[in-house]
Amino acid sequence: MMSQRNGTARRTRSRTAAVVAAAVTAALLTQAQAAAGPSAPVPRHWVEGRVMTFNLHMDEHDPADQADLIISKRPQVVALQEACREHLSDLWSRLRERNHPYRVITGYVRTRSDGERNCPGQDYGQAMLVAYEGSDVVVEASGSATYGVRDPDHDEARGFLWIKTKLHRQSTVLHTTHLTNDETAEGVRARAAQVRQLTTHMNVGNPEGRGSVALGDFNAVPGSRELSGLANRGWHDADENCPQACQPTIGESKFDYIWLRRDDYPEQPGLHAVPDDQRRWSDHLTAYADLPRR
């Protein structure tokens, strides 16, 4: 009987020691975690709702410099014009290597001829960069179209690209375009026709309940006749100072816009043009807007 009692006592002491050891370990872990504090969330590499328009000026500027600009301003969506295939691929790779991954959606309108000075033989047109993290599906749909009216000066095809994504977790459709730069009366008529086609697509193809945004190089100054089709069909400039005191984007003029459908964005959030006295990034100033939650 004595032996049985001694064995029972030893087992009881062992179990008690194990429980005490576990409790001490748990207490030490809790103290260590408390001392370290809560783990800080990893910041996103983009600003929610920030959209940017960027004329890449074909391949005349260094993709490394352009990546610097995008990283510094952290847009969620970048609407690109004058995008050449190889230049765009280089830009995308540099962003990814610096832990700023973007999905690329292209809307090329033509292949440049071998005799053209910039990016000969390459696909050329519009593109979009859309920020993501992990395996997020950030582009729900996309498409592109060529305008029915070509550039009168060079007989060049022009067009637009659109994507459907989410800004502030709200369904939003964004377009990027580059209108003809012909300065003649025929060019004005061509731009007006291109605006009509673009606006019809945006208003008819994007029902109410989705935000609608148009970005790009419109090659026309604020208040010009060819842009009246946007204002007359429910769109306004993100720049609240326009047309009285617009932010210039090329020389003393403004050609680059972020247009918002007024029903979706009744307030104008403002337009921020990035200074570039050395023309390091483009022959245009890159511009962005911080769109609010609707």
Protein backbone atom coordinates (compact mmCIF):
# COMPACT_ATOMS: atom_id res chain seq x y z
CA MET A 1 0.00 0.00 0.00
CA MET A 2 2.86 2.38 0.81
CA SER A 3 4.43 1.75 -2.61
CA GLN A 4 1.15 2.47 -4.41
CA ARG A 5 0.69 5.73 -2.49
CA ASN A 6 4.25 6.81 -3.28
CA GLY A 7 3.72 6.13 -7.02
CA THR A 8 0.49 8.09 -7.02
CA ALA A 9 2.17 11.02 -5.28
CA ARG A 10 5.04 11.04 -7.80
CA ARG A 11 2.59 11.07 -10.74
CA THR A 12 0.61 13.89 -9.11
CA ARG A 13 3.78 15.95 -8.58
CA SER A 14 4.81 15.37 -12.22
CA ARG A 15 1.46 16.50 -13.56
CA THR A 16 1.53 19.55 -11.29
CA ALA A 17 5.02 20.48 -12.48
CA ALA A 18 3.96 20.15 -16.12
CA VAL A 19 0.95 22.39 -15.57
CA VAL A 20 3.07 24.99 -13.79
CA ALA A 21 5.70 24.91 -16.55
CA ALA A 22 3.04 25.39 -19.23
CA ALA A 23 1.54 28.29 -17.30
CA VAL A 24 4.94 29.96 -16.92
CA THR A 25 5.69 29.51 -20.63
CA ALA A 26 2.32 31.02 -21.59
CA ALA A 27 2.91 33.95 -19.25
CA LEU A 28 6.35 34.61 -20.70
CA LEU A 29 4.99 34.49 -24.26
CA THR A 30 2.19 36.88 -23.36
CA GLN A 31 4.68 39.30 -21.76
CA ALA A 32 6.96 39.12 -24.80
CA GLN A 33 4.09 39.80 -27.19
CA ALA A 34 2.88 42.69 -25.05
CA ALA A 35 6.38 44.17 -25.00
CA ALA A 36 6.67 43.87 -28.75
CA GLY A 37 3.27 45.45 -29.27
CA PRO A 38 0.77 44.60 -32.00
CA SER A 39 2.26 43.89 -35.40
CA ALA A 40 1.98 46.92 -37.69
CA PRO A 41 -0.05 46.40 -40.86
CA VAL A 42 1.99 46.30 -44.04
CA PRO A 43 1.17 49.49 -46.00
CA ARG A 44 -0.23 49.12 -49.48
CA HIS A 45 1.86 50.37 -52.34
CA TRP A 46 -1.02 52.50 -53.64
CA VAL A 47 -3.45 55.14 -52.40
CA GLU A 48 -7.05 53.93 -52.57
CA GLY A 49 -9.00 55.85 -55.21
CA ARG A 50 -5.98 57.67 -56.68
CA VAL A 51 -6.09 57.66 -60.48
CA MET A 52 -3.41 59.05 -62.79
CA THR A 53 -3.16 59.97 -66.46
CA PHE A 54 0.30 59.56 -67.99
CA ASN A 55 1.38 60.17 -71.60
CA LEU A 56 4.53 58.04 -71.87
CA HIS A 57 5.70 59.92 -75.00
CA MET A 58 6.45 56.63 -76.72
CA ASP A 59 9.99 55.48 -75.97
CA GLU A 60 11.68 58.87 -75.61
CA HIS A 61 11.85 58.70 -71.81
CA ASP A 62 13.51 56.21 -69.49
CA PRO A 63 11.15 53.59 -67.98
CA ALA A 64 13.29 53.67 -64.81
CA ASP A 65 12.49 57.36 -64.32
CA GLN A 66 8.82 56.78 -65.08
CA ALA A 67 8.74 53.95 -62.53
CA ASP A 68 10.22 56.36 -59.97
CA LEU A 69 7.34 58.76 -60.58
CA ILE A 70 4.64 56.10 -60.27
CA ILE A 71 6.18 54.72 -57.08
CA SER A 72 6.43 58.19 -55.54
CA LYS A 73 2.77 59.06 -56.23
CA ARG A 74 1.33 55.56 -55.55
CA PRO A 75 -1.71 55.60 -57.87
CA GLN A 76 -4.18 52.74 -57.76
CA VAL A 77 -4.86 53.05 -61.50
CA VAL A 78 -2.62 54.59 -64.16
CA ALA A 79 -4.15 55.44 -67.54
CA LEU A 80 -1.38 55.40 -70.15
CA GLN A 81 -1.18 56.89 -73.61
CA GLU A 82 1.53 56.49 -76.28
CA ALA A 83 2.44 53.09 -74.88
CA CYS A 84 4.83 50.97 -76.93
CA ARG A 85 4.91 47.25 -76.20
CA GLU A 86 8.59 46.88 -75.20
CA HIS A 87 8.69 50.15 -73.26
CA LEU A 88 5.56 49.16 -71.35
CA SER A 89 6.99 45.74 -70.55
CA ASP A 90 10.16 47.36 -69.20
CA LEU A 91 8.14 49.77 -67.04
CA TRP A 92 5.99 46.94 -65.65
CA SER A 93 9.07 44.85 -64.80
CA ARG A 94 10.73 47.72 -62.96
CA LEU A 95 7.63 48.33 -60.86
CA ARG A 96 7.36 44.65 -59.99
CA GLU A 97 11.05 44.40 -59.06
CA ARG A 98 10.54 47.27 -56.62
CA ASN A 99 7.57 45.56 -54.94
CA HIS A 100 4.96 47.73 -56.66
CA PRO A 101 3.08 45.12 -58.70
CA TYR A 102 0.50 46.27 -61.23
CA ARG A 103 -1.65 44.32 -63.63
CA VAL A 104 -1.30 45.54 -67.21
CA ILE A 105 -4.25 45.81 -69.60
CA THR A 106 -3.42 46.88 -73.15
CA GLY A 107 -5.52 48.51 -75.83
CA TYR A 108 -3.15 48.82 -78.77
CA VAL A 109 -4.63 50.57 -81.80
CA ARG A 110 -1.97 49.84 -84.41
CA THR A 111 1.49 48.49 -85.14
CA ARG A 112 4.01 51.20 -85.94
CA SER A 113 5.84 50.87 -89.24
CA ASP A 114 9.50 49.93 -89.38
CA GLY A 115 10.30 53.38 -90.74
CA GLU A 116 8.85 55.33 -87.81
CA ARG A 117 11.33 56.96 -85.47
CA ASN A 118 9.86 55.78 -82.17
CA CYS A 119 9.32 52.09 -81.32
CA PRO A 120 9.28 50.94 -84.97
CA GLY A 121 7.49 47.66 -85.62
CA GLN A 122 5.86 47.61 -82.18
CA ASP A 123 2.26 47.54 -81.00
CA TYR A 124 1.22 51.01 -79.89
CA GLY A 125 -1.71 52.68 -78.17
CA GLN A 126 -3.29 52.82 -74.72
CA ALA A 127 -2.76 50.76 -71.57
CA MET A 128 -3.82 50.64 -67.92
CA LEU A 129 -1.85 49.73 -64.82
CA VAL A 130 -3.98 48.50 -61.90
CA ALA A 131 -2.39 47.97 -58.48
CA TYR A 132 -2.93 44.69 -56.67
CA GLU A 133 -1.60 42.63 -53.78
CA GLY A 134 -1.45 38.87 -53.47
CA SER A 135 -3.69 37.12 -55.96
CA ASP A 136 -6.43 39.76 -56.00
CA VAL A 137 -8.52 39.83 -59.16
CA VAL A 138 -8.57 43.58 -59.68
CA VAL A 139 -9.83 43.80 -63.27
CA GLU A 140 -13.30 42.34 -63.65
CA ALA A 141 -13.71 43.20 -67.35
CA SER A 142 -11.96 45.19 -70.07
CA GLY A 143 -12.22 46.11 -73.72
CA SER A 144 -11.01 48.52 -76.37
CA ALA A 145 -12.25 50.17 -79.54
CA THR A 146 -10.88 52.14 -82.47
CA TYR A 147 -12.52 55.44 -83.34
CA GLY A 148 -14.50 55.59 -86.55
CA VAL A 149 -12.72 58.86 -87.44
CA ARG A 150 -8.98 58.64 -88.00
CA ASP A 151 -6.36 61.33 -87.50
CA PRO A 152 -6.78 63.61 -90.56
CA ASP A 153 -3.15 64.74 -90.47
CA HIS A 154 -1.43 61.33 -90.48
CA ASP A 155 -4.36 59.01 -91.23
CA GLU A 156 -3.52 57.45 -87.87
CA ALA A 157 -5.89 55.17 -85.98
CA ARG A 158 -6.94 56.39 -82.54
CA GLY A 159 -9.02 54.67 -79.90
CA PHE A 160 -9.80 54.03 -76.26
CA LEU A 161 -9.39 51.31 -73.64
CA TRP A 162 -11.70 50.63 -70.70
CA ILE A 163 -11.56 48.50 -67.58
CA LYS A 164 -13.99 47.63 -64.82
CA THR A 165 -12.44 47.50 -61.36
CA LYS A 166 -13.16 48.61 -57.80
CA LEU A 167 -12.23 51.90 -56.15
CA HIS A 168 -13.06 52.05 -52.45
CA ARG A 169 -14.63 48.59 -52.98
CA GLN A 170 -17.16 50.16 -55.36
CA SER A 171 -17.58 49.07 -58.98
CA THR A 172 -15.98 51.65 -61.27
CA VAL A 173 -15.35 51.83 -65.03
CA LEU A 174 -12.34 53.80 -66.23
CA HIS A 175 -11.43 54.76 -69.80
CA THR A 176 -8.15 55.99 -71.23
CA THR A 177 -7.90 57.67 -74.63
CA HIS A 178 -5.70 59.78 -76.88
CA LEU A 179 -7.52 62.00 -79.38
CA THR A 180 -6.16 63.31 -82.67
CA ASN A 181 -3.69 66.19 -82.41
CA ASP A 182 -4.56 67.72 -85.81
CA GLU A 183 -4.97 71.49 -85.30
CA THR A 184 -6.92 72.18 -88.50
CA ALA A 185 -10.68 72.63 -88.74
CA GLU A 186 -10.86 69.05 -89.95
CA GLY A 187 -8.96 67.98 -86.84
CA VAL A 188 -11.45 69.82 -84.62
CA ARG A 189 -14.30 67.96 -86.31
CA ALA A 190 -12.44 64.66 -85.89
CA ARG A 191 -11.93 65.25 -82.16
CA ALA A 192 -15.58 66.19 -81.73
CA ALA A 193 -16.60 62.93 -83.44
CA GLN A 194 -14.19 60.95 -81.27
CA VAL A 195 -15.62 62.58 -78.13
CA ARG A 196 -19.15 61.68 -79.24
CA GLN A 197 -18.18 58.04 -79.78
CA LEU A 198 -16.35 57.86 -76.45
CA THR A 199 -19.13 59.56 -74.47
CA THR A 200 -21.81 57.37 -76.03
CA HIS A 201 -19.85 54.27 -75.08
CA MET A 202 -19.32 55.52 -71.52
CA ASN A 203 -22.92 56.58 -70.90
CA VAL A 204 -24.71 53.71 -72.65
CA GLY A 205 -22.30 50.92 -71.75
CA ASN A 206 -21.95 51.90 -68.11
CA PRO A 207 -25.30 51.96 -66.30
CA GLU A 208 -26.03 53.97 -63.18
CA GLY A 209 -24.65 52.54 -59.99
CA ARG A 210 -21.10 52.29 -61.30
CA GLY A 211 -18.67 55.15 -61.12
CA SER A 212 -17.46 56.33 -64.51
CA VAL A 213 -14.14 58.06 -65.18
CA ALA A 214 -12.34 59.10 -68.39
CA LEU A 215 -8.64 59.92 -68.43
CA GLY A 216 -6.22 60.81 -71.16
CA ASP A 217 -4.69 63.21 -73.63
CA PHE A 218 -7.58 64.97 -75.36
CA ASN A 219 -5.38 67.37 -77.40
CA ALA A 220 -7.82 70.24 -76.78
CA VAL A 221 -7.86 73.10 -74.29
CA PRO A 222 -10.67 73.53 -71.73
CA GLY A 223 -13.81 75.12 -73.12
CA SER A 224 -13.04 74.15 -76.71
CA ARG A 225 -15.93 73.21 -78.96
CA GLU A 226 -14.87 69.60 -79.40
CA LEU A 227 -14.96 68.98 -75.64
CA SER A 228 -18.45 70.40 -75.23
CA GLY A 229 -19.86 66.94 -75.94
CA LEU A 230 -18.58 65.79 -72.55
CA ALA A 231 -19.93 68.74 -70.58
CA ASN A 232 -23.28 68.60 -72.37
CA ARG A 233 -23.72 64.90 -71.59
CA GLY A 234 -23.16 64.99 -67.86
CA TRP A 235 -19.39 65.08 -67.38
CA HIS A 236 -17.12 67.55 -65.59
CA ASP A 237 -13.41 68.04 -65.05
CA ALA A 238 -11.82 66.79 -61.82
CA ASP A 239 -10.01 70.14 -61.72
CA GLU A 240 -12.30 72.40 -59.70
CA ASN A 241 -10.46 75.48 -61.01
CA CYS A 242 -11.37 74.81 -64.64
CA PRO A 243 -12.11 76.46 -66.96
CA GLN A 244 -11.17 79.77 -65.30
CA ALA A 245 -7.76 78.79 -63.87
CA CYS A 246 -6.90 75.32 -65.12
CA GLN A 247 -3.78 73.44 -64.17
CA PRO A 248 -1.55 73.38 -67.31
CA THR A 249 -0.21 69.98 -68.37
CA ILE A 250 1.83 70.83 -71.49
CA GLY A 251 3.52 74.21 -71.74
CA GLU A 252 0.92 76.81 -70.79
CA SER A 253 -1.96 74.69 -72.06
CA LYS A 254 -4.01 71.86 -70.67
CA PHE A 255 -4.51 68.76 -72.83
CA ASP A 256 -4.59 66.07 -70.14
CA TYR A 257 -7.81 65.46 -68.25
CA ILE A 258 -9.57 63.36 -65.67
CA TRP A 259 -13.29 63.57 -66.47
CA LEU A 260 -15.92 62.40 -63.98
CA ARG A 261 -19.54 61.57 -64.65
CA ARG A 262 -21.37 64.20 -62.64
CA ASP A 263 -24.07 61.86 -61.33
CA ASP A 264 -21.37 59.61 -59.87
CA TYR A 265 -19.02 62.33 -58.62
CA PRO A 266 -20.98 65.55 -58.04
CA GLU A 267 -17.97 67.19 -56.36
CA GLN A 268 -14.73 67.97 -58.17
CA PRO A 269 -11.87 66.51 -56.09
CA GLY A 270 -9.11 68.55 -57.73
CA LEU A 271 -6.32 67.75 -60.18
CA HIS A 272 -2.65 67.49 -59.20
CA ALA A 273 -0.10 67.98 -61.97
CA VAL A 274 3.37 66.71 -61.05
CA PRO A 275 6.07 69.37 -61.71
CA ASP A 276 8.70 68.27 -64.23
CA ASP A 277 10.85 71.21 -65.31
CA GLN A 278 13.47 68.89 -66.78
CA ARG A 279 10.90 66.87 -68.76
CA ARG A 280 12.28 63.79 -67.08
CA TRP A 281 9.12 61.70 -67.37
CA SER A 282 7.29 62.97 -70.47
CA ASP A 283 6.68 65.97 -72.69
CA HIS A 284 3.39 66.30 -70.74
CA LEU A 285 2.94 66.75 -67.02
CA THR A 286 1.52 63.68 -65.37
CA ALA A 287 -1.69 64.43 -63.44
CA TYR A 288 -3.69 62.58 -60.80
CA ALA A 289 -6.85 62.92 -58.72
CA ASP A 290 -7.94 61.34 -55.45
CA LEU A 291 -11.47 60.12 -56.07
CA PRO A 292 -13.73 59.88 -53.02
CA ARG A 293 -15.99 57.05 -52.00
CA ARG A 294 -19.35 57.56 -53.68
